[in-house]
Amino acid sequence: MGALSIHTIGNEVVIRLNKENFSDAYLMSLLRRLRLEELAQKAQLDEQLIGLAEEINRQWWEENNQKFLDNTNK
């Protein structure tokens, strides 16, 4: 095996590193970077979902606010 090999198995990506070619400090740094990337992508997705929820709420209110207000005044 060389210093690095990458394989795709189903929906997983398997990365193999020859430990002789990388220091422990570098490998830990790489793993932290991958974790930060994962969290950043999740945060971006969460922000998109919040924006979508706000848009749905705005549309609902535009379509139903008069019915809602009429029912609360009774």
N, C-alpha and C. Protein backbone atom coordinates (compact mmCIF):
# COMPACT_ATOMS: atom_id res chain seq x y z
N MET A 1 0.84 -1.17 0.00
CA MET A 1 0.00 0.00 0.00
C MET A 1 0.89 1.24 0.00
N GLY A 2 0.43 2.25 -0.73
CA GLY A 2 1.14 3.52 -0.72
C GLY A 2 0.82 4.28 0.56
N ALA A 3 1.08 5.55 0.55
CA ALA A 3 0.83 6.38 1.73
C ALA A 3 -0.67 6.56 1.97
N LEU A 4 -1.47 6.46 0.89
CA LEU A 4 -2.89 6.78 0.99
C LEU A 4 -3.68 5.97 -0.03
N SER A 5 -4.83 5.44 0.40
CA SER A 5 -5.76 4.82 -0.55
C SER A 5 -7.18 5.17 -0.12
N ILE A 6 -8.03 5.33 -1.12
CA ILE A 6 -9.42 5.70 -0.87
C ILE A 6 -10.32 4.74 -1.64
N HIS A 7 -11.33 4.20 -0.96
CA HIS A 7 -12.28 3.28 -1.57
C HIS A 7 -13.69 3.70 -1.19
N THR A 8 -14.62 3.45 -2.08
CA THR A 8 -16.03 3.68 -1.79
C THR A 8 -16.70 2.32 -1.64
N ILE A 9 -17.39 2.13 -0.53
CA ILE A 9 -18.12 0.90 -0.27
C ILE A 9 -19.54 1.31 0.12
N GLY A 10 -20.48 1.09 -0.79
CA GLY A 10 -21.86 1.53 -0.54
C GLY A 10 -21.90 3.03 -0.38
N ASN A 11 -22.43 3.49 0.76
CA ASN A 11 -22.50 4.94 0.98
C ASN A 11 -21.38 5.43 1.89
N GLU A 12 -20.33 4.65 2.03
CA GLU A 12 -19.19 5.02 2.86
C GLU A 12 -17.94 5.23 2.01
N VAL A 13 -17.09 6.12 2.47
CA VAL A 13 -15.78 6.33 1.87
C VAL A 13 -14.77 5.84 2.90
N VAL A 14 -13.92 4.90 2.49
CA VAL A 14 -12.91 4.34 3.38
C VAL A 14 -11.56 4.91 2.98
N ILE A 15 -10.93 5.60 3.92
CA ILE A 15 -9.62 6.19 3.69
C ILE A 15 -8.61 5.41 4.51
N ARG A 16 -7.59 4.90 3.84
CA ARG A 16 -6.53 4.16 4.54
C ARG A 16 -5.24 4.95 4.41
N LEU A 17 -4.59 5.15 5.54
CA LEU A 17 -3.34 5.89 5.58
C LEU A 17 -2.25 4.98 6.13
N ASN A 18 -1.09 4.99 5.49
CA ASN A 18 0.05 4.26 6.01
C ASN A 18 0.63 5.08 7.15
N LYS A 19 0.54 4.57 8.36
CA LYS A 19 0.94 5.31 9.55
C LYS A 19 2.41 5.72 9.51
N GLU A 20 3.21 4.98 8.78
CA GLU A 20 4.63 5.31 8.68
C GLU A 20 4.85 6.65 7.98
N ASN A 21 3.89 7.08 7.19
CA ASN A 21 4.05 8.30 6.40
C ASN A 21 3.47 9.54 7.07
N PHE A 22 2.78 9.39 8.21
CA PHE A 22 2.12 10.51 8.86
C PHE A 22 2.39 10.47 10.36
N SER A 23 2.63 11.63 10.94
CA SER A 23 2.82 11.68 12.39
C SER A 23 1.47 11.58 13.09
N ASP A 24 1.50 11.18 14.35
CA ASP A 24 0.27 11.12 15.13
C ASP A 24 -0.38 12.50 15.23
N ALA A 25 0.43 13.52 15.39
CA ALA A 25 -0.09 14.89 15.50
C ALA A 25 -0.81 15.28 14.21
N TYR A 26 -0.23 14.93 13.06
CA TYR A 26 -0.88 15.27 11.79
C TYR A 26 -2.19 14.52 11.65
N LEU A 27 -2.22 13.25 12.00
CA LEU A 27 -3.44 12.45 11.88
C LEU A 27 -4.54 13.01 12.79
N MET A 28 -4.19 13.42 14.01
CA MET A 28 -5.19 14.01 14.91
C MET A 28 -5.70 15.33 14.34
N SER A 29 -4.82 16.11 13.76
CA SER A 29 -5.21 17.37 13.14
C SER A 29 -6.17 17.12 11.98
N LEU A 30 -5.87 16.12 11.18
CA LEU A 30 -6.72 15.76 10.04
C LEU A 30 -8.11 15.32 10.52
N LEU A 31 -8.17 14.52 11.56
CA LEU A 31 -9.45 14.06 12.09
C LEU A 31 -10.26 15.22 12.66
N ARG A 32 -9.59 16.14 13.36
CA ARG A 32 -10.30 17.32 13.88
C ARG A 32 -10.86 18.15 12.73
N ARG A 33 -10.07 18.29 11.66
CA ARG A 33 -10.52 19.07 10.50
C ARG A 33 -11.75 18.42 9.86
N LEU A 34 -11.74 17.10 9.72
CA LEU A 34 -12.90 16.40 9.16
C LEU A 34 -14.13 16.60 10.03
N ARG A 35 -13.95 16.55 11.34
CA ARG A 35 -15.08 16.74 12.26
C ARG A 35 -15.63 18.16 12.15
N LEU A 36 -14.74 19.15 12.06
CA LEU A 36 -15.18 20.53 11.91
C LEU A 36 -15.93 20.73 10.60
N GLU A 37 -15.47 20.11 9.53
CA GLU A 37 -16.17 20.19 8.24
C GLU A 37 -17.56 19.59 8.35
N GLU A 38 -17.66 18.45 9.04
CA GLU A 38 -18.97 17.80 9.24
C GLU A 38 -19.91 18.73 10.00
N LEU A 39 -19.42 19.34 11.08
CA LEU A 39 -20.25 20.24 11.87
C LEU A 39 -20.64 21.49 11.09
N ALA A 40 -19.72 22.00 10.28
CA ALA A 40 -20.02 23.19 9.47
C ALA A 40 -21.11 22.89 8.46
N GLN A 41 -21.05 21.73 7.82
CA GLN A 41 -22.08 21.36 6.85
C GLN A 41 -23.42 21.16 7.54
N LYS A 42 -23.41 20.56 8.72
CA LYS A 42 -24.65 20.36 9.47
C LYS A 42 -25.24 21.72 9.87
N ALA A 43 -24.40 22.64 10.32
CA ALA A 43 -24.88 23.96 10.71
C ALA A 43 -25.49 24.68 9.51
N GLN A 44 -24.86 24.55 8.36
CA GLN A 44 -25.39 25.19 7.15
C GLN A 44 -26.74 24.59 6.80
N LEU A 45 -26.87 23.28 6.91
CA LEU A 45 -28.14 22.62 6.63
C LEU A 45 -29.20 23.08 7.63
N ASP A 46 -28.82 23.18 8.91
CA ASP A 46 -29.76 23.65 9.93
C ASP A 46 -30.25 25.05 9.61
N GLU A 47 -29.34 25.93 9.15
CA GLU A 47 -29.73 27.30 8.80
C GLU A 47 -30.70 27.29 7.62
N GLN A 48 -30.46 26.42 6.65
CA GLN A 48 -31.36 26.32 5.50
C GLN A 48 -32.73 25.84 5.94
N LEU A 49 -32.78 24.89 6.87
CA LEU A 49 -34.06 24.38 7.36
C LEU A 49 -34.81 25.46 8.14
N ILE A 50 -34.09 26.24 8.92
CA ILE A 50 -34.73 27.34 9.66
C ILE A 50 -35.32 28.35 8.68
N GLY A 51 -34.56 28.68 7.64
CA GLY A 51 -35.06 29.61 6.62
C GLY A 51 -36.31 29.08 5.94
N LEU A 52 -36.31 27.79 5.62
CA LEU A 52 -37.47 27.17 4.99
C LEU A 52 -38.68 27.20 5.93
N ALA A 53 -38.46 26.89 7.20
CA ALA A 53 -39.56 26.92 8.17
C ALA A 53 -40.13 28.33 8.31
N GLU A 54 -39.26 29.32 8.32
CA GLU A 54 -39.73 30.71 8.42
C GLU A 54 -40.54 31.10 7.19
N GLU A 55 -40.12 30.66 6.02
CA GLU A 55 -40.85 30.97 4.78
C GLU A 55 -42.22 30.29 4.79
N ILE A 56 -42.28 29.04 5.22
CA ILE A 56 -43.56 28.33 5.31
C ILE A 56 -44.49 29.04 6.29
N ASN A 57 -43.94 29.44 7.43
CA ASN A 57 -44.73 30.16 8.42
C ASN A 57 -45.25 31.48 7.86
N ARG A 58 -44.42 32.22 7.16
CA ARG A 58 -44.82 33.50 6.57
C ARG A 58 -45.95 33.29 5.56
N GLN A 59 -45.79 32.28 4.70
CA GLN A 59 -46.82 31.99 3.70
C GLN A 59 -48.13 31.59 4.37
N TRP A 60 -48.04 30.74 5.40
CA TRP A 60 -49.26 30.32 6.09
C TRP A 60 -49.96 31.54 6.68
N TRP A 61 -49.20 32.41 7.33
CA TRP A 61 -49.79 33.58 7.97
C TRP A 61 -50.45 34.49 6.94
N GLU A 62 -49.80 34.67 5.78
CA GLU A 62 -50.40 35.50 4.72
C GLU A 62 -51.73 34.92 4.26
N GLU A 63 -51.81 33.60 4.16
CA GLU A 63 -53.02 32.95 3.66
C GLU A 63 -54.11 32.82 4.73
N ASN A 64 -53.74 32.76 5.99
CA ASN A 64 -54.70 32.43 7.04
C ASN A 64 -54.87 33.47 8.13
N ASN A 65 -54.18 34.58 8.05
CA ASN A 65 -54.23 35.52 9.16
C ASN A 65 -55.64 36.07 9.40
N GLN A 66 -56.39 36.36 8.36
CA GLN A 66 -57.73 36.91 8.56
C GLN A 66 -58.65 35.89 9.22
N LYS A 67 -58.59 34.62 8.77
CA LYS A 67 -59.41 33.58 9.40
C LYS A 67 -59.02 33.42 10.87
N PHE A 68 -57.75 33.45 11.13
CA PHE A 68 -57.26 33.31 12.50
C PHE A 68 -57.75 34.46 13.37
N LEU A 69 -57.61 35.68 12.87
CA LEU A 69 -58.05 36.86 13.64
C LEU A 69 -59.56 36.87 13.82
N ASP A 70 -60.31 36.47 12.80
CA ASP A 70 -61.77 36.42 12.91
C ASP A 70 -62.19 35.45 14.01
N ASN A 71 -61.52 34.31 14.12
CA ASN A 71 -61.87 33.32 15.14
C ASN A 71 -61.49 33.77 16.54
N THR A 72 -60.48 34.59 16.68
CA THR A 72 -60.09 35.04 18.03
C THR A 72 -60.97 36.17 18.53
N ASN A 73 -61.66 36.86 17.64
CA ASN A 73 -62.53 37.96 18.05
C ASN A 73 -63.92 37.49 18.48
N LYS A 74 -64.23 36.23 18.34
CA LYS A 74 -65.56 35.70 18.69
C LYS A 74 -65.67 35.44 20.15
